[in-house]
Full PDB file with SEQRES, HELIX, SHEET, SSBOND, CRYST1, ORIGX, SCALE, CONECT and MASTER records, all heavy atoms in Angstrom:
SEQRES   1 A   44  SER TRP ALA ASP CYS GLU THR SER ILE LYS GLY HIS PRO          
SEQRES   2 A   44  SER ALA ARG TYR ARG SER TYR PRO SER ARG ALA GLU ALA          
SEQRES   3 A   44  ARG ALA ALA PHE GLU ALA GLY SER PRO GLU ALA TYR LYS          
SEQRES   4 A   44  GLN ILE ARG ARG ALA                                          
HELIX    1 AA1 TRP A    2  ILE A    9  1                                   8    
HELIX    2 AA2 ARG A   23  ALA A   32  1                                  10    
HELIX    3 AA3 PRO A   35  ARG A   43  1                                   9    
CRYST1    1.000    1.000    1.000  90.00  90.00  90.00 P 1           1          
ORIGX1      1.000000  0.000000  0.000000        0.00000                         
ORIGX2      0.000000  1.000000  0.000000        0.00000                         
ORIGX3      0.000000  0.000000  1.000000        0.00000                         
SCALE1      1.000000  0.000000  0.000000        0.00000                         
SCALE2      0.000000  1.000000  0.000000        0.00000                         
SCALE3      0.000000  0.000000  1.000000        0.00000                         
ATOM      1  N   SER A   1      60.930 -41.614 -89.637  1.00  0.00           N  
ATOM      2  CA  SER A   1      61.001 -42.396 -88.414  1.00  0.00           C  
ATOM      3  C   SER A   1      62.356 -43.113 -88.328  1.00  0.00           C  
ATOM      4  O   SER A   1      62.952 -43.454 -89.367  1.00  0.00           O  
ATOM      5  CB  SER A   1      59.882 -43.444 -88.392  1.00  0.00           C  
ATOM      6  OG  SER A   1      60.113 -44.492 -89.299  1.00  0.00           O  
ATOM      7  N   TRP A   2      62.791 -43.322 -87.122  1.00  0.00           N  
ATOM      8  CA  TRP A   2      64.054 -44.068 -86.905  1.00  0.00           C  
ATOM      9  C   TRP A   2      63.949 -45.491 -87.427  1.00  0.00           C  
ATOM     10  O   TRP A   2      64.884 -46.054 -87.960  1.00  0.00           O  
ATOM     11  CB  TRP A   2      64.443 -44.044 -85.427  1.00  0.00           C  
ATOM     12  CG  TRP A   2      65.607 -44.986 -85.131  1.00  0.00           C  
ATOM     13  CD1 TRP A   2      65.549 -46.094 -84.378  1.00  0.00           C  
ATOM     14  CD2 TRP A   2      66.918 -44.898 -85.656  1.00  0.00           C  
ATOM     15  NE1 TRP A   2      66.764 -46.723 -84.375  1.00  0.00           N  
ATOM     16  CE2 TRP A   2      67.633 -46.015 -85.119  1.00  0.00           C  
ATOM     17  CE3 TRP A   2      67.578 -43.983 -86.474  1.00  0.00           C  
ATOM     18  CZ2 TRP A   2      68.962 -46.241 -85.445  1.00  0.00           C  
ATOM     19  CZ3 TRP A   2      68.911 -44.226 -86.780  1.00  0.00           C  
ATOM     20  CH2 TRP A   2      69.582 -45.332 -86.256  1.00  0.00           C  
ATOM     21  N   ALA A   3      62.766 -46.091 -87.265  1.00  0.00           N  
ATOM     22  CA  ALA A   3      62.611 -47.498 -87.695  1.00  0.00           C  
ATOM     23  C   ALA A   3      62.890 -47.626 -89.194  1.00  0.00           C  
ATOM     24  O   ALA A   3      63.556 -48.564 -89.653  1.00  0.00           O  
ATOM     25  CB  ALA A   3      61.210 -47.954 -87.353  1.00  0.00           C  
ATOM     26  N   ASP A   4      62.306 -46.705 -89.999  1.00  0.00           N  
ATOM     27  CA  ASP A   4      62.530 -46.780 -91.449  1.00  0.00           C  
ATOM     28  C   ASP A   4      63.999 -46.517 -91.800  1.00  0.00           C  
ATOM     29  O   ASP A   4      64.543 -47.160 -92.689  1.00  0.00           O  
ATOM     30  CB  ASP A   4      61.651 -45.774 -92.137  1.00  0.00           C  
ATOM     31  CG  ASP A   4      60.188 -46.141 -92.092  1.00  0.00           C  
ATOM     32  OD1 ASP A   4      59.872 -47.336 -91.881  1.00  0.00           O  
ATOM     33  OD2 ASP A   4      59.325 -45.229 -92.255  1.00  0.00           O  
ATOM     34  N   CYS A   5      64.579 -45.559 -91.098  1.00  0.00           N  
ATOM     35  CA  CYS A   5      66.003 -45.264 -91.337  1.00  0.00           C  
ATOM     36  C   CYS A   5      66.846 -46.454 -91.003  1.00  0.00           C  
ATOM     37  O   CYS A   5      67.756 -46.831 -91.784  1.00  0.00           O  
ATOM     38  CB  CYS A   5      66.417 -44.044 -90.486  1.00  0.00           C  
ATOM     39  SG  CYS A   5      68.192 -43.653 -90.565  1.00  0.00           S  
ATOM     40  N   GLU A   6      66.615 -47.072 -89.850  1.00  0.00           N  
ATOM     41  CA  GLU A   6      67.392 -48.211 -89.409  1.00  0.00           C  
ATOM     42  C   GLU A   6      67.287 -49.372 -90.409  1.00  0.00           C  
ATOM     43  O   GLU A   6      68.292 -50.091 -90.683  1.00  0.00           O  
ATOM     44  CB  GLU A   6      66.946 -48.663 -88.040  1.00  0.00           C  
ATOM     45  CG  GLU A   6      67.810 -49.720 -87.398  1.00  0.00           C  
ATOM     46  CD  GLU A   6      67.376 -50.090 -86.024  1.00  0.00           C  
ATOM     47  OE1 GLU A   6      66.150 -50.055 -85.754  1.00  0.00           O  
ATOM     48  OE2 GLU A   6      68.232 -50.398 -85.190  1.00  0.00           O  
ATOM     49  N   THR A   7      66.115 -49.571 -90.961  1.00  0.00           N  
ATOM     50  CA  THR A   7      65.940 -50.644 -91.976  1.00  0.00           C  
ATOM     51  C   THR A   7      66.844 -50.399 -93.186  1.00  0.00           C  
ATOM     52  O   THR A   7      67.386 -51.378 -93.743  1.00  0.00           O  
ATOM     53  CB  THR A   7      64.489 -50.705 -92.423  1.00  0.00           C  
ATOM     54  OG1 THR A   7      63.634 -51.009 -91.307  1.00  0.00           O  
ATOM     55  CG2 THR A   7      64.271 -51.759 -93.505  1.00  0.00           C  
ATOM     56  N   SER A   8      67.024 -49.161 -93.552  1.00  0.00           N  
ATOM     57  CA  SER A   8      67.846 -48.814 -94.703  1.00  0.00           C  
ATOM     58  C   SER A   8      69.347 -48.956 -94.452  1.00  0.00           C  
ATOM     59  O   SER A   8      70.117 -49.308 -95.342  1.00  0.00           O  
ATOM     60  CB  SER A   8      67.548 -47.389 -95.166  1.00  0.00           C  
ATOM     61  OG  SER A   8      68.358 -47.060 -96.262  1.00  0.00           O  
ATOM     62  N   ILE A   9      69.764 -48.709 -93.191  1.00  0.00           N  
ATOM     63  CA  ILE A   9      71.220 -48.670 -92.921  1.00  0.00           C  
ATOM     64  C   ILE A   9      71.758 -49.856 -92.166  1.00  0.00           C  
ATOM     65  O   ILE A   9      72.945 -50.162 -92.259  1.00  0.00           O  
ATOM     66  CB  ILE A   9      71.574 -47.380 -92.102  1.00  0.00           C  
ATOM     67  CG1 ILE A   9      70.899 -47.445 -90.745  1.00  0.00           C  
ATOM     68  CG2 ILE A   9      71.185 -46.154 -92.852  1.00  0.00           C  
ATOM     69  CD1 ILE A   9      71.330 -46.307 -89.802  1.00  0.00           C  
ATOM     70  N   LYS A  10      70.898 -50.604 -91.425  1.00  0.00           N  
ATOM     71  CA  LYS A  10      71.397 -51.686 -90.598  1.00  0.00           C  
ATOM     72  C   LYS A  10      72.052 -52.772 -91.435  1.00  0.00           C  
ATOM     73  O   LYS A  10      71.477 -53.313 -92.350  1.00  0.00           O  
ATOM     74  CB  LYS A  10      70.262 -52.283 -89.779  1.00  0.00           C  
ATOM     75  CG  LYS A  10      70.704 -53.241 -88.696  1.00  0.00           C  
ATOM     76  CD  LYS A  10      69.582 -53.683 -87.795  1.00  0.00           C  
ATOM     77  CE  LYS A  10      70.049 -54.576 -86.682  1.00  0.00           C  
ATOM     78  NZ  LYS A  10      68.934 -54.986 -85.782  1.00  0.00           N  
ATOM     79  N   GLY A  11      73.312 -53.055 -91.081  1.00  0.00           N  
ATOM     80  CA  GLY A  11      74.058 -54.062 -91.814  1.00  0.00           C  
ATOM     81  C   GLY A  11      74.700 -53.645 -93.085  1.00  0.00           C  
ATOM     82  O   GLY A  11      75.433 -54.392 -93.698  1.00  0.00           O  
ATOM     83  N   HIS A  12      74.439 -52.415 -93.511  1.00  0.00           N  
ATOM     84  CA  HIS A  12      75.055 -51.879 -94.732  1.00  0.00           C  
ATOM     85  C   HIS A  12      76.510 -51.537 -94.438  1.00  0.00           C  
ATOM     86  O   HIS A  12      76.781 -50.771 -93.501  1.00  0.00           O  
ATOM     87  CB  HIS A  12      74.320 -50.691 -95.254  1.00  0.00           C  
ATOM     88  CG  HIS A  12      74.713 -50.280 -96.641  1.00  0.00           C  
ATOM     89  ND1 HIS A  12      75.881 -49.671 -96.946  1.00  0.00           N  
ATOM     90  CD2 HIS A  12      74.032 -50.409 -97.848  1.00  0.00           C  
ATOM     91  CE1 HIS A  12      75.956 -49.430 -98.243  1.00  0.00           C  
ATOM     92  NE2 HIS A  12      74.835 -49.894 -98.809  1.00  0.00           N  
ATOM     93  N   PRO A  13      77.466 -52.035 -95.216  1.00  0.00           N  
ATOM     94  CA  PRO A  13      78.881 -51.825 -94.875  1.00  0.00           C  
ATOM     95  C   PRO A  13      79.374 -50.366 -94.936  1.00  0.00           C  
ATOM     96  O   PRO A  13      80.311 -50.015 -94.285  1.00  0.00           O  
ATOM     97  CB  PRO A  13      79.617 -52.686 -95.916  1.00  0.00           C  
ATOM     98  CG  PRO A  13      78.639 -52.776 -97.052  1.00  0.00           C  
ATOM     99  CD  PRO A  13      77.292 -52.847 -96.426  1.00  0.00           C  
ATOM    100  N   SER A  14      78.671 -49.517 -95.722  1.00  0.00           N  
ATOM    101  CA  SER A  14      79.099 -48.134 -95.866  1.00  0.00           C  
ATOM    102  C   SER A  14      78.001 -47.135 -95.499  1.00  0.00           C  
ATOM    103  O   SER A  14      77.999 -46.009 -95.981  1.00  0.00           O  
ATOM    104  CB  SER A  14      79.571 -47.885 -97.321  1.00  0.00           C  
ATOM    105  OG  SER A  14      80.576 -48.803 -97.697  1.00  0.00           O  
ATOM    106  N   ALA A  15      77.090 -47.580 -94.648  1.00  0.00           N  
ATOM    107  CA  ALA A  15      75.927 -46.736 -94.330  1.00  0.00           C  
ATOM    108  C   ALA A  15      76.341 -45.383 -93.770  1.00  0.00           C  
ATOM    109  O   ALA A  15      77.290 -45.270 -92.985  1.00  0.00           O  
ATOM    110  CB  ALA A  15      75.040 -47.450 -93.331  1.00  0.00           C  
ATOM    111  N   ARG A  16      75.617 -44.357 -94.218  1.00  0.00           N  
ATOM    112  CA  ARG A  16      75.883 -43.014 -93.732  1.00  0.00           C  
ATOM    113  C   ARG A  16      74.606 -42.234 -93.647  1.00  0.00           C  
ATOM    114  O   ARG A  16      73.831 -42.199 -94.615  1.00  0.00           O  
ATOM    115  CB  ARG A  16      76.860 -42.310 -94.680  1.00  0.00           C  
ATOM    116  CG  ARG A  16      77.483 -41.085 -94.049  1.00  0.00           C  
ATOM    117  CD  ARG A  16      78.619 -40.583 -94.894  1.00  0.00           C  
ATOM    118  NE  ARG A  16      79.345 -39.551 -94.147  1.00  0.00           N  
ATOM    119  CZ  ARG A  16      79.996 -38.556 -94.697  1.00  0.00           C  
ATOM    120  NH1 ARG A  16      79.958 -38.398 -96.005  1.00  0.00           N  
ATOM    121  NH2 ARG A  16      80.633 -37.672 -93.986  1.00  0.00           N  
ATOM    122  N   TYR A  17      74.334 -41.627 -92.475  1.00  0.00           N  
ATOM    123  CA  TYR A  17      73.073 -40.911 -92.302  1.00  0.00           C  
ATOM    124  C   TYR A  17      73.292 -39.813 -91.244  1.00  0.00           C  
ATOM    125  O   TYR A  17      74.257 -39.790 -90.520  1.00  0.00           O  
ATOM    126  CB  TYR A  17      71.981 -41.858 -91.843  1.00  0.00           C  
ATOM    127  CG  TYR A  17      72.134 -42.334 -90.406  1.00  0.00           C  
ATOM    128  CD1 TYR A  17      71.394 -41.740 -89.395  1.00  0.00           C  
ATOM    129  CD2 TYR A  17      73.027 -43.353 -90.102  1.00  0.00           C  
ATOM    130  CE1 TYR A  17      71.555 -42.146 -88.087  1.00  0.00           C  
ATOM    131  CE2 TYR A  17      73.175 -43.768 -88.769  1.00  0.00           C  
ATOM    132  CZ  TYR A  17      72.468 -43.155 -87.752  1.00  0.00           C  
ATOM    133  OH  TYR A  17      72.606 -43.573 -86.462  1.00  0.00           O  
ATOM    134  N   ARG A  18      72.333 -38.887 -91.206  1.00  0.00           N  
ATOM    135  CA  ARG A  18      72.312 -37.829 -90.229  1.00  0.00           C  
ATOM    136  C   ARG A  18      70.859 -37.513 -89.854  1.00  0.00           C  
ATOM    137  O   ARG A  18      69.969 -37.729 -90.673  1.00  0.00           O  
ATOM    138  CB  ARG A  18      72.975 -36.545 -90.705  1.00  0.00           C  
ATOM    139  CG  ARG A  18      74.458 -36.597 -90.833  1.00  0.00           C  
ATOM    140  CD  ARG A  18      75.179 -36.609 -89.460  1.00  0.00           C  
ATOM    141  NE  ARG A  18      76.596 -36.471 -89.608  1.00  0.00           N  
ATOM    142  CZ  ARG A  18      77.460 -37.441 -89.961  1.00  0.00           C  
ATOM    143  NH1 ARG A  18      76.943 -38.654 -90.205  1.00  0.00           N  
ATOM    144  NH2 ARG A  18      78.740 -37.213 -90.081  1.00  0.00           N  
ATOM    145  N   SER A  19      70.616 -37.025 -88.678  1.00  0.00           N  
ATOM    146  CA  SER A  19      69.274 -36.616 -88.271  1.00  0.00           C  
ATOM    147  C   SER A  19      69.206 -35.094 -88.350  1.00  0.00           C  
ATOM    148  O   SER A  19      70.181 -34.360 -88.114  1.00  0.00           O  
ATOM    149  CB  SER A  19      68.990 -37.067 -86.844  1.00  0.00           C  
ATOM    150  OG  SER A  19      69.876 -36.425 -85.923  1.00  0.00           O  
ATOM    151  N   TYR A  20      68.002 -34.575 -88.718  1.00  0.00           N  
ATOM    152  CA  TYR A  20      67.767 -33.192 -88.831  1.00  0.00           C  
ATOM    153  C   TYR A  20      66.386 -32.841 -88.202  1.00  0.00           C  
ATOM    154  O   TYR A  20      65.501 -33.669 -88.170  1.00  0.00           O  
ATOM    155  CB  TYR A  20      67.801 -32.737 -90.293  1.00  0.00           C  
ATOM    156  CG  TYR A  20      69.128 -32.955 -90.928  1.00  0.00           C  
ATOM    157  CD1 TYR A  20      69.396 -34.103 -91.667  1.00  0.00           C  
ATOM    158  CD2 TYR A  20      70.137 -32.010 -90.799  1.00  0.00           C  
ATOM    159  CE1 TYR A  20      70.675 -34.306 -92.203  1.00  0.00           C  
ATOM    160  CE2 TYR A  20      71.379 -32.169 -91.378  1.00  0.00           C  
ATOM    161  CZ  TYR A  20      71.631 -33.327 -92.083  1.00  0.00           C  
ATOM    162  OH  TYR A  20      72.895 -33.532 -92.644  1.00  0.00           O  
ATOM    163  N   PRO A  21      66.253 -31.603 -87.677  1.00  0.00           N  
ATOM    164  CA  PRO A  21      65.049 -31.244 -86.965  1.00  0.00           C  
ATOM    165  C   PRO A  21      63.807 -30.990 -87.830  1.00  0.00           C  
ATOM    166  O   PRO A  21      62.708 -30.905 -87.280  1.00  0.00           O  
ATOM    167  CB  PRO A  21      65.466 -29.967 -86.188  1.00  0.00           C  
ATOM    168  CG  PRO A  21      66.529 -29.399 -87.024  1.00  0.00           C  
ATOM    169  CD  PRO A  21      67.280 -30.569 -87.574  1.00  0.00           C  
ATOM    170  N   SER A  22      63.996 -30.855 -89.110  1.00  0.00           N  
ATOM    171  CA  SER A  22      62.849 -30.589 -90.004  1.00  0.00           C  
ATOM    172  C   SER A  22      63.023 -31.351 -91.306  1.00  0.00           C  
ATOM    173  O   SER A  22      64.157 -31.684 -91.726  1.00  0.00           O  
ATOM    174  CB  SER A  22      62.685 -29.108 -90.271  1.00  0.00           C  
ATOM    175  OG  SER A  22      63.766 -28.641 -91.105  1.00  0.00           O  
ATOM    176  N   ARG A  23      61.913 -31.605 -91.986  1.00  0.00           N  
ATOM    177  CA  ARG A  23      61.972 -32.257 -93.314  1.00  0.00           C  
ATOM    178  C   ARG A  23      62.690 -31.423 -94.325  1.00  0.00           C  
ATOM    179  O   ARG A  23      63.436 -31.931 -95.166  1.00  0.00           O  
ATOM    180  CB  ARG A  23      60.559 -32.576 -93.809  1.00  0.00           C  
ATOM    181  CG  ARG A  23      60.520 -33.338 -95.129  1.00  0.00           C  
ATOM    182  CD  ARG A  23      59.109 -33.640 -95.608  1.00  0.00           C  
ATOM    183  NE  ARG A  23      58.439 -34.564 -94.703  1.00  0.00           N  
ATOM    184  CZ  ARG A  23      58.526 -35.887 -94.760  1.00  0.00           C  
ATOM    185  NH1 ARG A  23      59.359 -36.404 -95.683  1.00  0.00           N  
ATOM    186  NH2 ARG A  23      57.879 -36.621 -93.921  1.00  0.00           N  
ATOM    187  N   ALA A  24      62.502 -30.067 -94.234  1.00  0.00           N  
ATOM    188  CA  ALA A  24      63.154 -29.182 -95.177  1.00  0.00           C  
ATOM    189  C   ALA A  24      64.658 -29.266 -95.071  1.00  0.00           C  
ATOM    190  O   ALA A  24      65.370 -29.329 -96.087  1.00  0.00           O  
ATOM    191  CB  ALA A  24      62.690 -27.726 -94.962  1.00  0.00           C  
ATOM    192  N   GLU A  25      65.175 -29.293 -93.819  1.00  0.00           N  
ATOM    193  CA  GLU A  25      66.626 -29.407 -93.650  1.00  0.00           C  
ATOM    194  C   GLU A  25      67.146 -30.782 -94.107  1.00  0.00           C  
ATOM    195  O   GLU A  25      68.189 -30.898 -94.703  1.00  0.00           O  
ATOM    196  CB  GLU A  25      66.989 -29.192 -92.196  1.00  0.00           C  
ATOM    197  CG  GLU A  25      66.966 -27.755 -91.752  1.00  0.00           C  
ATOM    198  CD  GLU A  25      67.618 -27.584 -90.384  1.00  0.00           C  
ATOM    199  OE1 GLU A  25      68.795 -27.853 -90.241  1.00  0.00           O  
ATOM    200  OE2 GLU A  25      66.899 -27.140 -89.442  1.00  0.00           O  
ATOM    201  N   ALA A  26      66.354 -31.816 -93.789  1.00  0.00           N  
ATOM    202  CA  ALA A  26      66.762 -33.145 -94.196  1.00  0.00           C  
ATOM    203  C   ALA A  26      66.833 -33.301 -95.695  1.00  0.00           C  
ATOM    204  O   ALA A  26      67.732 -33.899 -96.272  1.00  0.00           O  
ATOM    205  CB  ALA A  26      65.803 -34.172 -93.618  1.00  0.00           C  
ATOM    206  N   ARG A  27      65.862 -32.690 -96.373  1.00  0.00           N  
ATOM    207  CA  ARG A  27      65.799 -32.763 -97.856  1.00  0.00           C  
ATOM    208  C   ARG A  27      66.925 -31.924 -98.440  1.00  0.00           C  
ATOM    209  O   ARG A  27      67.582 -32.348 -99.409  1.00  0.00           O  
ATOM    210  CB  ARG A  27      64.449 -32.221 -98.346  1.00  0.00           C  
ATOM    211  CG  ARG A  27      64.308 -32.012 -99.867  1.00  0.00           C  
ATOM    212  CD  ARG A  27      64.642 -33.258-100.623  1.00  0.00           C  
ATOM    213  NE  ARG A  27      63.837 -34.367-100.274  1.00  0.00           N  
ATOM    214  CZ  ARG A  27      63.937 -35.578-100.830  1.00  0.00           C  
ATOM    215  NH1 ARG A  27      64.851 -35.803-101.778  1.00  0.00           N  
ATOM    216  NH2 ARG A  27      63.147 -36.596-100.461  1.00  0.00           N  
ATOM    217  N   ALA A  28      67.194 -30.749 -97.887  1.00  0.00           N  
ATOM    218  CA  ALA A  28      68.287 -29.908 -98.359  1.00  0.00           C  
ATOM    219  C   ALA A  28      69.628 -30.588 -98.176  1.00  0.00           C  
ATOM    220  O   ALA A  28      70.507 -30.546 -99.080  1.00  0.00           O  
ATOM    221  CB  ALA A  28      68.318 -28.562 -97.603  1.00  0.00           C  
ATOM    222  N   ALA A  29      69.810 -31.337 -97.076  1.00  0.00           N  
ATOM    223  CA  ALA A  29      71.059 -32.029 -96.850  1.00  0.00           C  
ATOM    224  C   ALA A  29      71.182 -33.183 -97.873  1.00  0.00           C  
ATOM    225  O   ALA A  29      72.275 -33.436 -98.400  1.00  0.00           O  
ATOM    226  CB  ALA A  29      71.065 -32.630 -95.433  1.00  0.00           C  
ATOM    227  N   PHE A  30      70.086 -33.866 -98.146  1.00  0.00           N  
ATOM    228  CA  PHE A  30      70.118 -34.945 -99.139  1.00  0.00           C  
ATOM    229  C   PHE A  30      70.502 -34.404-100.511  1.00  0.00           C  
ATOM    230  O   PHE A  30      71.347 -35.002-101.229  1.00  0.00           O  
ATOM    231  CB  PHE A  30      68.760 -35.629 -99.220  1.00  0.00           C  
ATOM    232  CG  PHE A  30      68.707 -36.761-100.206  1.00  0.00           C  
ATOM    233  CD1 PHE A  30      69.332 -37.934 -99.960  1.00  0.00           C  
ATOM    234  CD2 PHE A  30      67.981 -36.623-101.369  1.00  0.00           C  
ATOM    235  CE1 PHE A  30      69.301 -39.008-100.863  1.00  0.00           C  
ATOM    236  CE2 PHE A  30      67.926 -37.647-102.274  1.00  0.00           C  
ATOM    237  CZ  PHE A  30      68.590 -38.835-102.044  1.00  0.00           C  
ATOM    238  N   GLU A  31      69.935 -33.240-100.890  1.00  0.00           N  
ATOM    239  CA  GLU A  31      70.243 -32.665-102.188  1.00  0.00           C  
ATOM    240  C   GLU A  31      71.687 -32.161-102.229  1.00  0.00           C  
ATOM    241  O   GLU A  31      72.290 -32.151-103.314  1.00  0.00           O  
ATOM    242  CB  GLU A  31      69.266 -31.523-102.462  1.00  0.00           C  
ATOM    243  CG  GLU A  31      67.838 -32.000-102.724  1.00  0.00           C  
ATOM    244  CD  GLU A  31      66.892 -30.884-102.960  1.00  0.00           C  
ATOM    245  OE1 GLU A  31      67.286 -29.706-102.743  1.00  0.00           O  
ATOM    246  OE2 GLU A  31      65.699 -31.135-103.265  1.00  0.00           O  
ATOM    247  N   ALA A  32      72.241 -31.795-101.093  1.00  0.00           N  
ATOM    248  CA  ALA A  32      73.637 -31.344-101.055  1.00  0.00           C  
ATOM    249  C   ALA A  32      74.575 -32.492-101.282  1.00  0.00           C  
ATOM    250  O   ALA A  32      75.712 -32.317-101.754  1.00  0.00           O  
ATOM    251  CB  ALA A  32      73.938 -30.667 -99.725  1.00  0.00           C  
ATOM    252  N   GLY A  33      74.184 -33.726-100.954  1.00  0.00           N  
ATOM    253  CA  GLY A  33      74.965 -34.890-101.250  1.00  0.00           C  
ATOM    254  C   GLY A  33      75.731 -35.484-100.105  1.00  0.00           C  
ATOM    255  O   GLY A  33      76.099 -36.650-100.141  1.00  0.00           O  
ATOM    256  N   SER A  34      75.984 -34.704 -99.072  1.00  0.00           N  
ATOM    257  CA  SER A  34      76.731 -35.193 -97.899  1.00  0.00           C  
ATOM    258  C   SER A  34      76.471 -34.221 -96.744  1.00  0.00           C  
ATOM    259  O   SER A  34      76.178 -33.069 -96.956  1.00  0.00           O  
ATOM    260  CB  SER A  34      78.213 -35.305 -98.205  1.00  0.00           C  
ATOM    261  OG  SER A  34      78.795 -34.009 -98.287  1.00  0.00           O  
ATOM    262  N   PRO A  35      76.672 -34.706 -95.507  1.00  0.00           N  
ATOM    263  CA  PRO A  35      76.552 -33.800 -94.346  1.00  0.00           C  
ATOM    264  C   PRO A  35      77.512 -32.633 -94.421  1.00  0.00           C  
ATOM    265  O   PRO A  35      77.177 -31.484 -94.042  1.00  0.00           O  
ATOM    266  CB  PRO A  35      76.838 -34.725 -93.162  1.00  0.00           C  
ATOM    267  CG  PRO A  35      76.589 -36.096 -93.643  1.00  0.00           C  
ATOM    268  CD  PRO A  35      76.970 -36.094 -95.096  1.00  0.00           C  
ATOM    269  N   GLU A  36      78.752 -32.895 -94.937  1.00  0.00           N  
ATOM    270  CA  GLU A  36      79.734 -31.846 -94.999  1.00  0.00           C  
ATOM    271  C   GLU A  36      79.364 -30.761 -96.017  1.00  0.00           C  
ATOM    272  O   GLU A  36      79.535 -29.537 -95.715  1.00  0.00           O  
ATOM    273  CB  GLU A  36      81.115 -32.460 -95.374  1.00  0.00           C  
ATOM    274  CG  GLU A  36      81.704 -33.361 -94.298  1.00  0.00           C  
ATOM    275  CD  GLU A  36      81.085 -34.752 -94.299  1.00  0.00           C  
ATOM    276  OE1 GLU A  36      80.365 -35.090 -95.259  1.00  0.00           O  
ATOM    277  OE2 GLU A  36      81.299 -35.478 -93.337  1.00  0.00           O  
ATOM    278  N   ALA A  37      78.858 -31.178 -97.151  1.00  0.00           N  
ATOM    279  CA  ALA A  37      78.454 -30.210 -98.173  1.00  0.00           C  
ATOM    280  C   ALA A  37      77.297 -29.355 -97.662  1.00  0.00           C  
ATOM    281  O   ALA A  37      77.263 -28.130 -97.870  1.00  0.00           O  
ATOM    282  CB  ALA A  37      78.029 -30.927 -99.453  1.00  0.00           C  
ATOM    283  N   TYR A  38      76.375 -29.959 -96.957  1.00  0.00           N  
ATOM    284  CA  TYR A  38      75.226 -29.201 -96.422  1.00  0.00           C  
ATOM    285  C   TYR A  38      75.702 -28.252 -95.334  1.00  0.00           C  
ATOM    286  O   TYR A  38      75.255 -27.112 -95.285  1.00  0.00           O  
ATOM    287  CB  TYR A  38      74.186 -30.191 -95.833  1.00  0.00           C  
ATOM    288  CG  TYR A  38      73.019 -29.469 -95.226  1.00  0.00           C  
ATOM    289  CD1 TYR A  38      72.188 -28.624 -96.014  1.00  0.00           C  
ATOM    290  CD2 TYR A  38      72.717 -29.617 -93.877  1.00  0.00           C  
ATOM    291  CE1 TYR A  38      71.108 -27.978 -95.454  1.00  0.00           C  
ATOM    292  CE2 TYR A  38      71.623 -28.944 -93.314  1.00  0.00           C  
ATOM    293  CZ  TYR A  38      70.805 -28.146 -94.091  1.00  0.00           C  
ATOM    294  OH  TYR A  38      69.768 -27.512 -93.538  1.00  0.00           O  
ATOM    295  N   LYS A  39      76.619 -28.680 -94.502  1.00  0.00           N  
ATOM    296  CA  LYS A  39      77.163 -27.821 -93.451  1.00  0.00           C  
ATOM    297  C   LYS A  39      77.844 -26.599 -94.063  1.00  0.00           C  
ATOM    298  O   LYS A  39      77.702 -25.469 -93.577  1.00  0.00           O  
ATOM    299  CB  LYS A  39      78.142 -28.598 -92.568  1.00  0.00           C  
ATOM    300  CG  LYS A  39      78.629 -27.783 -91.370  1.00  0.00           C  
ATOM    301  CD  LYS A  39      79.631 -28.594 -90.551  1.00  0.00           C  
ATOM    302  CE  LYS A  39      78.966 -29.782 -89.919  1.00  0.00           C  
ATOM    303  NZ  LYS A  39      79.875 -30.527 -89.019  1.00  0.00           N  
ATOM    304  N   GLN A  40      78.587 -26.817 -95.142  1.00  0.00           N  
ATOM    305  CA  GLN A  40      79.269 -25.702 -95.810  1.00  0.00           C  
ATOM    306  C   GLN A  40      78.265 -24.698 -96.375  1.00  0.00           C  
ATOM    307  O   GLN A  40      78.448 -23.497 -96.289  1.00  0.00           O  
ATOM    308  CB  GLN A  40      80.196 -26.229 -96.915  1.00  0.00           C  
ATOM    309  CG  GLN A  40      80.943 -25.167 -97.687  1.00  0.00           C  
ATOM    310  CD  GLN A  40      81.886 -24.389 -96.830  1.00  0.00           C  
ATOM    311  OE1 GLN A  40      82.391 -24.917 -95.827  1.00  0.00           O  
ATOM    312  NE2 GLN A  40      82.161 -23.144 -97.191  1.00  0.00           N  
ATOM    313  N   ILE A  41      77.223 -25.235 -97.004  1.00  0.00           N  
ATOM    314  CA  ILE A  41      76.209 -24.348 -97.546  1.00  0.00           C  
ATOM    315  C   ILE A  41      75.541 -23.553 -96.448  1.00  0.00           C  
ATOM    316  O   ILE A  41      75.292 -22.343 -96.586  1.00  0.00           O  
ATOM    317  CB  ILE A  41      75.162 -25.179 -98.333  1.00  0.00           C  
ATOM    318  CG1 ILE A  41      75.794 -25.731 -99.632  1.00  0.00           C  
ATOM    319  CG2 ILE A  41      73.964 -24.340 -98.707  1.00  0.00           C  
ATOM    320  CD1 ILE A  41      74.925 -26.686-100.388  1.00  0.00           C  
ATOM    321  N   ARG A  42      75.212 -24.199 -95.356  1.00  0.00           N  
ATOM    322  CA  ARG A  42      74.577 -23.471 -94.250  1.00  0.00           C  
ATOM    323  C   ARG A  42      75.501 -22.442 -93.631  1.00  0.00           C  
ATOM    324  O   ARG A  42      75.076 -21.359 -93.223  1.00  0.00           O  
ATOM    325  CB  ARG A  42      74.127 -24.483 -93.188  1.00  0.00           C  
ATOM    326  CG  ARG A  42      72.916 -25.292 -93.542  1.00  0.00           C  
ATOM    327  CD  ARG A  42      71.722 -24.435 -93.874  1.00  0.00           C  
ATOM    328  NE  ARG A  42      71.359 -23.554 -92.784  1.00  0.00           N  
ATOM    329  CZ  ARG A  42      70.488 -23.887 -91.814  1.00  0.00           C  
ATOM    330  NH1 ARG A  42      69.904 -25.099 -91.844  1.00  0.00           N  
ATOM    331  NH2 ARG A  42      70.199 -23.065 -90.866  1.00  0.00           N  
ATOM    332  N   ARG A  43      76.773 -22.797 -93.586  1.00  0.00           N  
ATOM    333  CA  ARG A  43      77.761 -21.827 -93.031  1.00  0.00           C  
ATOM    334  C   ARG A  43      77.784 -20.572 -93.915  1.00  0.00           C  
ATOM    335  O   ARG A  43      77.844 -19.447 -93.408  1.00  0.00           O  
ATOM    336  CB  ARG A  43      79.168 -22.471 -92.982  1.00  0.00           C  
ATOM    337  CG  ARG A  43      80.189 -21.596 -92.265  1.00  0.00           C  
ATOM    338  CD  ARG A  43      81.549 -22.302 -92.244  1.00  0.00           C  
ATOM    339  NE  ARG A  43      81.495 -23.547 -91.519  1.00  0.00           N  
ATOM    340  CZ  ARG A  43      81.808 -24.706 -92.000  1.00  0.00           C  
ATOM    341  NH1 ARG A  43      82.157 -24.802 -93.285  1.00  0.00           N  
ATOM    342  NH2 ARG A  43      81.723 -25.792 -91.265  1.00  0.00           N  
ATOM    343  N   ALA A  44      77.761 -20.774 -95.220  1.00  0.00           N  
ATOM    344  CA  ALA A  44      77.759 -19.652 -96.115  1.00  0.00           C  
ATOM    345  C   ALA A  44      76.437 -18.883 -96.031  1.00  0.00           C  
ATOM    346  O   ALA A  44      76.415 -17.658 -96.063  1.00  0.00           O  
ATOM    347  CB  ALA A  44      77.966 -20.109 -97.560  1.00  0.00           C  
TER     348      ALA A  44                                                      
MASTER        0    0    0    3    0    0    0    6  347    1    0    4          
END                                                                             
């Protein structure tokens, strides 16, 4: 949920997040470590 995400990032000086259409993609992106790393893996 956006509410839970916002609680984690609001006011954080270096907050970084992305939205994904499925839990599997969101988890894979988290395991990749960054949106860029996940994008590269998906591109490959």
